Amino acid sequence: MSGPEGPATARSALPGRRARALATLAILLAGACGGLIGYALVDVSCSGDCGWQLGLGTLVGAVASAAGVAVVTSLTLRAMHEWRTAPRAAASPRTRRGPARRT
């Protein structure tokens, strides 16, 4: 669809590739660290044959920490997008008004 200014370009709401890659890397790293913490916690607290407990502790730790970091990265990427697309006219001195004066 084209108007008098030329063809309309659709802007994507997706963050940049680098930001998405860093967010994915942070989620994966947090999952690995959470899995190690879960494994170590069960390893310290369990005695004897603890095969399935170690696996469950690793899984729960990895999923919980990855989910937490995924929420934080999602909110961060969304905030970055809103910050970049905020209207610049609101910061203009012409549109800024001080408190109402009483006479």
PDB file of N, CA and C in Angstrom:
ATOM      1  N   MET A   1       0.848  -1.168   0.000  1.00  0.00           N
ATOM      2  CA  MET A   1       0.000   0.000   0.000  1.00  0.00           C
ATOM      3  C   MET A   1       0.894   1.232   0.000  1.00  0.00           C
ATOM      4  N   SER A   2       0.667   2.133  -0.904  1.00  0.00           N
ATOM      5  CA  SER A   2       1.505   3.321  -0.964  1.00  0.00           C
ATOM      6  C   SER A   2       0.631   4.554  -0.925  1.00  0.00           C
ATOM      7  N   GLY A   3       1.143   5.563  -0.250  1.00  0.00           N
ATOM      8  CA  GLY A   3       0.429   6.825  -0.133  1.00  0.00           C
ATOM      9  C   GLY A   3       1.192   7.896  -0.868  1.00  0.00           C
ATOM     10  N   PRO A   4       0.855   9.156  -0.588  1.00  0.00           N
ATOM     11  CA  PRO A   4       1.540  10.254  -1.252  1.00  0.00           C
ATOM     12  C   PRO A   4       3.017  10.346  -0.867  1.00  0.00           C
ATOM     13  N   GLU A   5       3.395   9.823   0.306  1.00  0.00           N
ATOM     14  CA  GLU A   5       4.796   9.884   0.724  1.00  0.00           C
ATOM     15  C   GLU A   5       5.611   8.729   0.167  1.00  0.00           C
ATOM     16  N   GLY A   6       4.983   7.719  -0.378  1.00  0.00           N
ATOM     17  CA  GLY A   6       5.696   6.550  -0.878  1.00  0.00           C
ATOM     18  C   GLY A   6       5.185   5.303  -0.191  1.00  0.00           C
ATOM     19  N   PRO A   7       5.857   4.212  -0.435  1.00  0.00           N
ATOM     20  CA  PRO A   7       5.396   2.969   0.166  1.00  0.00           C
ATOM     21  C   PRO A   7       5.518   2.999   1.689  1.00  0.00           C
ATOM     22  N   ALA A   8       4.507   2.464   2.350  1.00  0.00           N
ATOM     23  CA  ALA A   8       4.501   2.418   3.811  1.00  0.00           C
ATOM     24  C   ALA A   8       5.418   1.290   4.280  1.00  0.00           C
ATOM     25  N   THR A   9       6.253   1.606   5.240  1.00  0.00           N
ATOM     26  CA  THR A   9       7.129   0.590   5.788  1.00  0.00           C
ATOM     27  C   THR A   9       6.573   0.155   7.136  1.00  0.00           C
ATOM     28  N   ALA A  10       6.426  -1.136   7.299  1.00  0.00           N
ATOM     29  CA  ALA A  10       5.910  -1.670   8.543  1.00  0.00           C
ATOM     30  C   ALA A  10       7.057  -1.814   9.539  1.00  0.00           C
ATOM     31  N   ARG A  11       6.907  -1.198  10.686  1.00  0.00           N
ATOM     32  CA  ARG A  11       7.924  -1.296  11.721  1.00  0.00           C
ATOM     33  C   ARG A  11       7.622  -2.500  12.588  1.00  0.00           C
ATOM     34  N   SER A  12       8.654  -3.233  12.909  1.00  0.00           N
ATOM     35  CA  SER A  12       8.501  -4.433  13.716  1.00  0.00           C
ATOM     36  C   SER A  12       8.641  -4.086  15.195  1.00  0.00           C
ATOM     37  N   ALA A  13       7.899  -4.794  16.024  1.00  0.00           N
ATOM     38  CA  ALA A  13       8.001  -4.613  17.467  1.00  0.00           C
ATOM     39  C   ALA A  13       9.104  -5.481  18.061  1.00  0.00           C
ATOM     40  N   LEU A  14       9.725  -6.299  17.228  1.00  0.00           N
ATOM     41  CA  LEU A  14      10.791  -7.170  17.719  1.00  0.00           C
ATOM     42  C   LEU A  14      12.045  -6.371  18.032  1.00  0.00           C
ATOM     43  N   PRO A  15      12.730  -6.731  19.116  1.00  0.00           N
ATOM     44  CA  PRO A  15      14.019  -6.078  19.378  1.00  0.00           C
ATOM     45  C   PRO A  15      15.059  -6.542  18.369  1.00  0.00           C
ATOM     46  N   GLY A  16      16.193  -5.915  18.365  1.00  0.00           N
ATOM     47  CA  GLY A  16      17.249  -6.251  17.432  1.00  0.00           C
ATOM     48  C   GLY A  16      17.796  -7.656  17.644  1.00  0.00           C
ATOM     49  N   ARG A  17      18.512  -8.143  16.658  1.00  0.00           N
ATOM     50  CA  ARG A  17      19.064  -9.499  16.734  1.00  0.00           C
ATOM     51  C   ARG A  17      20.055  -9.643  17.873  1.00  0.00           C
ATOM     52  N   ARG A  18      20.886  -8.644  18.061  1.00  0.00           N
ATOM     53  CA  ARG A  18      21.892  -8.715  19.116  1.00  0.00           C
ATOM     54  C   ARG A  18      21.237  -8.766  20.495  1.00  0.00           C
ATOM     55  N   ALA A  19      20.202  -7.962  20.695  1.00  0.00           N
ATOM     56  CA  ALA A  19      19.506  -7.961  21.985  1.00  0.00           C
ATOM     57  C   ALA A  19      18.822  -9.299  22.242  1.00  0.00           C
ATOM     58  N   ARG A  20      18.201  -9.868  21.210  1.00  0.00           N
ATOM     59  CA  ARG A  20      17.562 -11.180  21.377  1.00  0.00           C
ATOM     60  C   ARG A  20      18.590 -12.270  21.639  1.00  0.00           C
ATOM     61  N   ALA A  21      19.738 -12.186  20.974  1.00  0.00           N
ATOM     62  CA  ALA A  21      20.790 -13.184  21.184  1.00  0.00           C
ATOM     63  C   ALA A  21      21.345 -13.098  22.601  1.00  0.00           C
ATOM     64  N   LEU A  22      21.564 -11.886  23.090  1.00  0.00           N
ATOM     65  CA  LEU A  22      22.049 -11.717  24.457  1.00  0.00           C
ATOM     66  C   LEU A  22      21.024 -12.193  25.478  1.00  0.00           C
ATOM     67  N   ALA A  23      19.755 -11.940  25.217  1.00  0.00           N
ATOM     68  CA  ALA A  23      18.705 -12.403  26.127  1.00  0.00           C
ATOM     69  C   ALA A  23      18.655 -13.925  26.157  1.00  0.00           C
ATOM     70  N   THR A  24      18.754 -14.552  25.003  1.00  0.00           N
ATOM     71  CA  THR A  24      18.755 -16.018  24.945  1.00  0.00           C
ATOM     72  C   THR A  24      19.972 -16.585  25.655  1.00  0.00           C
ATOM     73  N   LEU A  25      21.118 -15.981  25.449  1.00  0.00           N
ATOM     74  CA  LEU A  25      22.341 -16.425  26.119  1.00  0.00           C
ATOM     75  C   LEU A  25      22.205 -16.286  27.635  1.00  0.00           C
ATOM     76  N   ALA A  26      21.618 -15.196  28.103  1.00  0.00           N
ATOM     77  CA  ALA A  26      21.427 -15.004  29.541  1.00  0.00           C
ATOM     78  C   ALA A  26      20.482 -16.054  30.121  1.00  0.00           C
ATOM     79  N   ILE A  27      19.433 -16.393  29.395  1.00  0.00           N
ATOM     80  CA  ILE A  27      18.486 -17.413  29.864  1.00  0.00           C
ATOM     81  C   ILE A  27      19.165 -18.776  29.939  1.00  0.00           C
ATOM     82  N   LEU A  28      19.937 -19.123  28.914  1.00  0.00           N
ATOM     83  CA  LEU A  28      20.636 -20.405  28.922  1.00  0.00           C
ATOM     84  C   LEU A  28      21.683 -20.480  30.030  1.00  0.00           C
ATOM     85  N   LEU A  29      22.413 -19.409  30.230  1.00  0.00           N
ATOM     86  CA  LEU A  29      23.422 -19.371  31.286  1.00  0.00           C
ATOM     87  C   LEU A  29      22.770 -19.478  32.664  1.00  0.00           C
ATOM     88  N   ALA A  30      21.669 -18.791  32.858  1.00  0.00           N
ATOM     89  CA  ALA A  30      20.960 -18.875  34.136  1.00  0.00           C
ATOM     90  C   ALA A  30      20.418 -20.280  34.366  1.00  0.00           C
ATOM     91  N   GLY A  31      19.931 -20.928  33.317  1.00  0.00           N
ATOM     92  CA  GLY A  31      19.455 -22.300  33.456  1.00  0.00           C
ATOM     93  C   GLY A  31      20.573 -23.241  33.853  1.00  0.00           C
ATOM     94  N   ALA A  32      21.736 -23.082  33.252  1.00  0.00           N
ATOM     95  CA  ALA A  32      22.881 -23.931  33.600  1.00  0.00           C
ATOM     96  C   ALA A  32      23.317 -23.697  35.048  1.00  0.00           C
ATOM     97  N   CYS A  33      23.383 -22.442  35.448  1.00  0.00           N
ATOM     98  CA  CYS A  33      23.773 -22.137  36.829  1.00  0.00           C
ATOM     99  C   CYS A  33      22.738 -22.649  37.823  1.00  0.00           C
ATOM    100  N   GLY A  34      21.469 -22.484  37.502  1.00  0.00           N
ATOM    101  CA  GLY A  34      20.419 -22.996  38.379  1.00  0.00           C
ATOM    102  C   GLY A  34      20.448 -24.512  38.492  1.00  0.00           C
ATOM    103  N   GLY A  35      20.741 -25.183  37.383  1.00  0.00           N
ATOM    104  CA  GLY A  35      20.875 -26.630  37.424  1.00  0.00           C
ATOM    105  C   GLY A  35      22.027 -27.068  38.303  1.00  0.00           C
ATOM    106  N   LEU A  36      23.144 -26.363  38.207  1.00  0.00           N
ATOM    107  CA  LEU A  36      24.294 -26.691  39.070  1.00  0.00           C
ATOM    108  C   LEU A  36      23.973 -26.449  40.544  1.00  0.00           C
ATOM    109  N   ILE A  37      23.279 -25.377  40.827  1.00  0.00           N
ATOM    110  CA  ILE A  37      22.903 -25.087  42.215  1.00  0.00           C
ATOM    111  C   ILE A  37      21.932 -26.144  42.736  1.00  0.00           C
ATOM    112  N   GLY A  38      20.948 -26.524  41.920  1.00  0.00           N
ATOM    113  CA  GLY A  38      20.005 -27.562  42.325  1.00  0.00           C
ATOM    114  C   GLY A  38      20.693 -28.886  42.571  1.00  0.00           C
ATOM    115  N   TYR A  39      21.620 -29.234  41.698  1.00  0.00           N
ATOM    116  CA  TYR A  39      22.385 -30.478  41.860  1.00  0.00           C
ATOM    117  C   TYR A  39      23.194 -30.439  43.158  1.00  0.00           C
ATOM    118  N   ALA A  40      23.894 -29.339  43.393  1.00  0.00           N
ATOM    119  CA  ALA A  40      24.735 -29.221  44.578  1.00  0.00           C
ATOM    120  C   ALA A  40      23.902 -29.232  45.851  1.00  0.00           C
ATOM    121  N   LEU A  41      22.743 -28.610  45.830  1.00  0.00           N
ATOM    122  CA  LEU A  41      21.891 -28.586  47.009  1.00  0.00           C
ATOM    123  C   LEU A  41      21.414 -29.985  47.379  1.00  0.00           C
ATOM    124  N   VAL A  42      20.997 -30.757  46.380  1.00  0.00           N
ATOM    125  CA  VAL A  42      20.554 -32.125  46.649  1.00  0.00           C
ATOM    126  C   VAL A  42      21.741 -33.000  47.020  1.00  0.00           C
ATOM    127  N   ASP A  43      22.877 -32.791  46.398  1.00  0.00           N
ATOM    128  CA  ASP A  43      24.066 -33.595  46.682  1.00  0.00           C
ATOM    129  C   ASP A  43      24.517 -33.422  48.132  1.00  0.00           C
ATOM    130  N   VAL A  44      24.436 -32.222  48.652  1.00  0.00           N
ATOM    131  CA  VAL A  44      24.848 -31.942  50.024  1.00  0.00           C
ATOM    132  C   VAL A  44      23.833 -32.505  51.021  1.00  0.00           C
ATOM    133  N   SER A  45      22.557 -32.433  50.690  1.00  0.00           N
ATOM    134  CA  SER A  45      21.531 -32.813  51.653  1.00  0.00           C
ATOM    135  C   SER A  45      21.101 -34.276  51.583  1.00  0.00           C
ATOM    136  N   CYS A  46      21.522 -35.020  50.595  1.00  0.00           N
ATOM    137  CA  CYS A  46      21.081 -36.405  50.420  1.00  0.00           C
ATOM    138  C   CYS A  46      22.237 -37.365  50.690  1.00  0.00           C
ATOM    139  N   SER A  47      21.921 -38.494  51.304  1.00  0.00           N
ATOM    140  CA  SER A  47      22.951 -39.508  51.535  1.00  0.00           C
ATOM    141  C   SER A  47      22.484 -40.840  50.957  1.00  0.00           C
ATOM    142  N   GLY A  48      23.399 -41.635  50.500  1.00  0.00           N
ATOM    143  CA  GLY A  48      23.051 -42.919  49.907  1.00  0.00           C
ATOM    144  C   GLY A  48      22.838 -42.790  48.409  1.00  0.00           C
ATOM    145  N   ASP A  49      21.934 -43.631  47.891  1.00  0.00           N
ATOM    146  CA  ASP A  49      21.627 -43.605  46.453  1.00  0.00           C
ATOM    147  C   ASP A  49      20.610 -42.498  46.167  1.00  0.00           C
ATOM    148  N   CYS A  50      21.049 -41.435  45.532  1.00  0.00           N
ATOM    149  CA  CYS A  50      20.190 -40.267  45.299  1.00  0.00           C
ATOM    150  C   CYS A  50      20.101 -39.934  43.819  1.00  0.00           C
ATOM    151  N   GLY A  51      20.029 -40.929  42.966  1.00  0.00           N
ATOM    152  CA  GLY A  51      20.046 -40.699  41.525  1.00  0.00           C
ATOM    153  C   GLY A  51      18.909 -39.834  41.032  1.00  0.00           C
ATOM    154  N   TRP A  52      17.681 -40.226  41.315  1.00  0.00           N
ATOM    155  CA  TRP A  52      16.547 -39.460  40.783  1.00  0.00           C
ATOM    156  C   TRP A  52      16.383 -38.137  41.508  1.00  0.00           C
ATOM    157  N   GLN A  53      16.792 -38.066  42.794  1.00  0.00           N
ATOM    158  CA  GLN A  53      16.713 -36.794  43.514  1.00  0.00           C
ATOM    159  C   GLN A  53      17.685 -35.772  42.920  1.00  0.00           C
ATOM    160  N   LEU A  54      18.872 -36.252  42.546  1.00  0.00           N
ATOM    161  CA  LEU A  54      19.837 -35.343  41.906  1.00  0.00           C
ATOM    162  C   LEU A  54      19.292 -34.823  40.573  1.00  0.00           C
ATOM    163  N   GLY A  55      18.692 -35.708  39.806  1.00  0.00           N
ATOM    164  CA  GLY A  55      18.106 -35.292  38.531  1.00  0.00           C
ATOM    165  C   GLY A  55      16.964 -34.309  38.713  1.00  0.00           C
ATOM    166  N   LEU A  56      16.110 -34.581  39.703  1.00  0.00           N
ATOM    167  CA  LEU A  56      14.982 -33.685  39.961  1.00  0.00           C
ATOM    168  C   LEU A  56      15.462 -32.328  40.465  1.00  0.00           C
ATOM    169  N   GLY A  57      16.453 -32.329  41.352  1.00  0.00           N
ATOM    170  CA  GLY A  57      17.008 -31.061  41.845  1.00  0.00           C
ATOM    171  C   GLY A  57      17.640 -30.250  40.735  1.00  0.00           C
ATOM    172  N   THR A  58      18.335 -30.938  39.833  1.00  0.00           N
ATOM    173  CA  THR A  58      18.944 -30.258  38.690  1.00  0.00           C
ATOM    174  C   THR A  58      17.878 -29.661  37.779  1.00  0.00           C
ATOM    175  N   LEU A  59      16.845 -30.447  37.489  1.00  0.00           N
ATOM    176  CA  LEU A  59      15.777 -29.983  36.604  1.00  0.00           C
ATOM    177  C   LEU A  59      15.014 -28.806  37.202  1.00  0.00           C
ATOM    178  N   VAL A  60      14.634 -28.928  38.465  1.00  0.00           N
ATOM    179  CA  VAL A  60      13.875 -27.844  39.110  1.00  0.00           C
ATOM    180  C   VAL A  60      14.714 -26.575  39.199  1.00  0.00           C
ATOM    181  N   GLY A  61      15.977 -26.700  39.569  1.00  0.00           N
ATOM    182  CA  GLY A  61      16.840 -25.521  39.652  1.00  0.00           C
ATOM    183  C   GLY A  61      17.034 -24.853  38.297  1.00  0.00           C
ATOM    184  N   ALA A  62      17.228 -25.661  37.257  1.00  0.00           N
ATOM    185  CA  ALA A  62      17.439 -25.098  35.916  1.00  0.00           C
ATOM    186  C   ALA A  62      16.184 -24.403  35.400  1.00  0.00           C
ATOM    187  N   VAL A  63      15.043 -25.045  35.558  1.00  0.00           N
ATOM    188  CA  VAL A  63      13.793 -24.468  35.037  1.00  0.00           C
ATOM    189  C   VAL A  63      13.416 -23.212  35.811  1.00  0.00           C
ATOM    190  N   ALA A  64      13.548 -23.254  37.132  1.00  0.00           N
ATOM    191  CA  ALA A  64      13.171 -22.093  37.937  1.00  0.00           C
ATOM    192  C   ALA A  64      14.045 -20.877  37.631  1.00  0.00           C
ATOM    193  N   SER A  65      15.346 -21.082  37.555  1.00  0.00           N
ATOM    194  CA  SER A  65      16.218 -19.927  37.296  1.00  0.00           C
ATOM    195  C   SER A  65      16.085 -19.430  35.857  1.00  0.00           C
ATOM    196  N   ALA A  66      15.927 -20.331  34.907  1.00  0.00           N
ATOM    197  CA  ALA A  66      15.749 -19.898  33.518  1.00  0.00           C
ATOM    198  C   ALA A  66      14.433 -19.147  33.358  1.00  0.00           C
ATOM    199  N   ALA A  67      13.385 -19.598  34.032  1.00  0.00           N
ATOM    200  CA  ALA A  67      12.090 -18.902  33.942  1.00  0.00           C
ATOM    201  C   ALA A  67      12.178 -17.510  34.559  1.00  0.00           C
ATOM    202  N   GLY A  68      12.868 -17.392  35.677  1.00  0.00           N
ATOM    203  CA  GLY A  68      13.023 -16.078  36.302  1.00  0.00           C
ATOM    204  C   GLY A  68      13.792 -15.108  35.423  1.00  0.00           C
ATOM    205  N   VAL A  69      14.865 -15.568  34.838  1.00  0.00           N
ATOM    206  CA  VAL A  69      15.653 -14.698  33.955  1.00  0.00           C
ATOM    207  C   VAL A  69      14.884 -14.405  32.673  1.00  0.00           C
ATOM    208  N   ALA A  70      14.084 -15.339  32.203  1.00  0.00           N
ATOM    209  CA  ALA A  70      13.275 -15.093  31.004  1.00  0.00           C
ATOM    210  C   ALA A  70      12.271 -13.971  31.246  1.00  0.00           C
ATOM    211  N   VAL A  71      11.677 -13.924  32.425  1.00  0.00           N
ATOM    212  CA  VAL A  71      10.744 -12.838  32.752  1.00  0.00           C
ATOM    213  C   VAL A  71      11.477 -11.505  32.767  1.00  0.00           C
ATOM    214  N   VAL A  72      12.637 -11.476  33.390  1.00  0.00           N
ATOM    215  CA  VAL A  72      13.408 -10.225  33.474  1.00  0.00           C
ATOM    216  C   VAL A  72      13.856  -9.762  32.091  1.00  0.00           C
ATOM    217  N   THR A  73      14.351 -10.674  31.260  1.00  0.00           N
ATOM    218  CA  THR A  73      14.799 -10.271  29.922  1.00  0.00           C
ATOM    219  C   THR A  73      13.628  -9.825  29.060  1.00  0.00           C
ATOM    220  N   SER A  74      12.489 -10.477  29.212  1.00  0.00           N
ATOM    221  CA  SER A  74      11.310 -10.064  28.441  1.00  0.00           C
ATOM    222  C   SER A  74      10.887  -8.649  28.814  1.00  0.00           C
ATOM    223  N   LEU A  75      10.855  -8.363  30.099  1.00  0.00           N
ATOM    224  CA  LEU A  75      10.491  -7.015  30.536  1.00  0.00           C
ATOM    225  C   LEU A  75      11.535  -5.984  30.106  1.00  0.00           C
ATOM    226  N   THR A  76      12.794  -6.373  30.137  1.00  0.00           N
ATOM    227  CA  THR A  76      13.857  -5.463  29.721  1.00  0.00           C
ATOM    228  C   THR A  76      13.765  -5.148  28.233  1.00  0.00           C
ATOM    229  N   LEU A  77      13.551  -6.164  27.401  1.00  0.00           N
ATOM    230  CA  LEU A  77      13.432  -5.932  25.958  1.00  0.00           C
ATOM    231  C   LEU A  77      12.208  -5.086  25.644  1.00  0.00           C
ATOM    232  N   ARG A  78      11.129  -5.316  26.363  1.00  0.00           N
ATOM    233  CA  ARG A  78       9.915  -4.527  26.146  1.00  0.00           C
ATOM    234  C   ARG A  78      10.135  -3.073  26.543  1.00  0.00           C
ATOM    235  N   ALA A  79      10.822  -2.851  27.663  1.00  0.00           N
ATOM    236  CA  ALA A  79      11.107  -1.486  28.106  1.00  0.00           C
ATOM    237  C   ALA A  79      12.045  -0.781  27.130  1.00  0.00           C
ATOM    238  N   MET A  80      13.022  -1.509  26.602  1.00  0.00           N
ATOM    239  CA  MET A  80      13.923  -0.910  25.615  1.00  0.00           C
ATOM    240  C   MET A  80      13.153  -0.477  24.377  1.00  0.00           C
ATOM    241  N   HIS A  81      12.211  -1.301  23.947  1.00  0.00           N
ATOM    242  CA  HIS A  81      11.417  -0.968  22.762  1.00  0.00           C
ATOM    243  C   HIS A  81      10.554   0.264  23.023  1.00  0.00           C
ATOM    244  N   GLU A  82       9.913   0.327  24.180  1.00  0.00           N
ATOM    245  CA  GLU A  82       9.073   1.484  24.494  1.00  0.00           C
ATOM    246  C   GLU A  82       9.912   2.752  24.632  1.00  0.00           C
ATOM    247  N   TRP A  83      11.102   2.615  25.181  1.00  0.00           N
ATOM    248  CA  TRP A  83      11.960   3.781  25.345  1.00  0.00           C
ATOM    249  C   TRP A  83      12.383   4.341  23.989  1.00  0.00           C
ATOM    250  N   ARG A  84      12.655   3.446  23.050  1.00  0.00           N
ATOM    251  CA  ARG A  84      13.084   3.900  21.718  1.00  0.00           C
ATOM    252  C   ARG A  84      11.952   4.486  20.903  1.00  0.00           C
ATOM    253  N   THR A  85      10.725   4.044  21.119  1.00  0.00           N
ATOM    254  CA  THR A  85       9.600   4.510  20.308  1.00  0.00           C
ATOM    255  C   THR A  85       8.777   5.573  21.003  1.00  0.00           C
ATOM    256  N   ALA A  86       9.217   6.075  22.152  1.00  0.00           N
ATOM    257  CA  ALA A  86       8.473   7.106  22.864  1.00  0.00           C
ATOM    258  C   ALA A  86       8.438   8.366  22.006  1.00  0.00           C
ATOM    259  N   PRO A  87       7.316   9.060  22.017  1.00  0.00           N
ATOM    260  CA  PRO A  87       7.239  10.287  21.216  1.00  0.00           C
ATOM    261  C   PRO A  87       8.211  11.337  21.733  1.00  0.00           C
ATOM    262  N   ARG A  88       8.966  11.897  20.835  1.00  0.00           N
ATOM    263  CA  ARG A  88       9.961  12.895  21.207  1.00  0.00           C
ATOM    264  C   ARG A  88       9.337  14.278  21.415  1.00  0.00           C
ATOM    265  N   ALA A  89       8.113  14.455  20.979  1.00  0.00           N
ATOM    266  CA  ALA A  89       7.463  15.755  21.115  1.00  0.00           C
ATOM    267  C   ALA A  89       7.191  16.092  22.577  1.00  0.00           C
ATOM    268  N   ALA A  90       7.051  15.098  23.427  1.00  0.00           N
ATOM    269  CA  ALA A  90       6.774  15.349  24.831  1.00  0.00           C
ATOM    270  C   ALA A  90       7.953  16.039  25.517  1.00  0.00           C
ATOM    271  N   ALA A  91       9.145  15.859  25.009  1.00  0.00           N
ATOM    272  CA  ALA A  91      10.322  16.479  25.604  1.00  0.00           C
ATOM    273  C   ALA A  91      10.622  17.853  25.009  1.00  0.00           C
ATOM    274  N   SER A  92       9.855  18.254  24.036  1.00  0.00           N
ATOM    275  CA  SER A  92      10.073  19.535  23.380  1.00  0.00           C
ATOM    276  C   SER A  92       9.730  20.683  24.329  1.00  0.00           C
ATOM    277  N   PRO A  93      10.525  21.769  24.323  1.00  0.00           N
ATOM    278  CA  PRO A  93      10.242  22.898  25.222  1.00  0.00           C
ATOM    279  C   PRO A  93       8.913  23.575  24.912  1.00  0.00           C
ATOM    280  N   ARG A  94       8.450  23.498  23.697  1.00  0.00           N
ATOM    281  CA  ARG A  94       7.190  24.148  23.344  1.00  0.00           C
ATOM    282  C   ARG A  94       5.991  23.472  23.996  1.00  0.00           C
ATOM    283  N   THR A  95       6.046  22.172  24.163  1.00  0.00           N
ATOM    284  CA  THR A  95       4.900  21.467  24.723  1.00  0.00           C
ATOM    285  C   THR A  95       4.973  21.336  26.238  1.00  0.00           C
ATOM    286  N   ARG A  96       6.111  21.668  26.828  1.00  0.00           N
ATOM    287  CA  ARG A  96       6.258  21.577  28.273  1.00  0.00           C
ATOM    288  C   ARG A  96       5.555  22.757  28.928  1.00  0.00           C
ATOM    289  N   ARG A  97       4.756  22.473  29.897  1.00  0.00           N
ATOM    290  CA  ARG A  97       4.068  23.555  30.614  1.00  0.00           C
ATOM    291  C   ARG A  97       4.349  23.409  32.092  1.00  0.00           C
ATOM    292  N   GLY A  98       4.511  24.508  32.729  1.00  0.00           N
ATOM    293  CA  GLY A  98       4.738  24.507  34.158  1.00  0.00           C
ATOM    294  C   GLY A  98       3.413  24.459  34.911  1.00  0.00           C
ATOM    295  N   PRO A  99       3.469  24.619  36.217  1.00  0.00           N
ATOM    296  CA  PRO A  99       2.233  24.597  36.996  1.00  0.00           C
ATOM    297  C   PRO A  99       1.366  25.808  36.659  1.00  0.00           C
ATOM    298  N   ALA A 100       0.087  25.636  36.819  1.00  0.00           N
ATOM    299  CA  ALA A 100      -0.847  26.719  36.512  1.00  0.00           C
ATOM    300  C   ALA A 100      -0.637  27.854  37.512  1.00  0.00           C
ATOM    301  N   ARG A 101      -0.631  29.078  36.997  1.00  0.00           N
ATOM    302  CA  ARG A 101      -0.433  30.244  37.846  1.00  0.00           C
ATOM    303  C   ARG A 101      -1.769  30.841  38.242  1.00  0.00           C
ATOM    304  N   ARG A 102      -1.851  31.205  39.490  1.00  0.00           N
ATOM    305  CA  ARG A 102      -3.076  31.865  39.954  1.00  0.00           C
ATOM    306  C   ARG A 102      -2.848  33.367  39.990  1.00  0.00           C
ATOM    307  N   THR A 103      -3.818  34.090  39.547  1.00  0.00           N
ATOM    308  CA  THR A 103      -3.671  35.551  39.560  1.00  0.00           C
ATOM    309  C   THR A 103      -4.686  36.198  40.419  1.00  0.00           C
TER     310      THR A 103
END
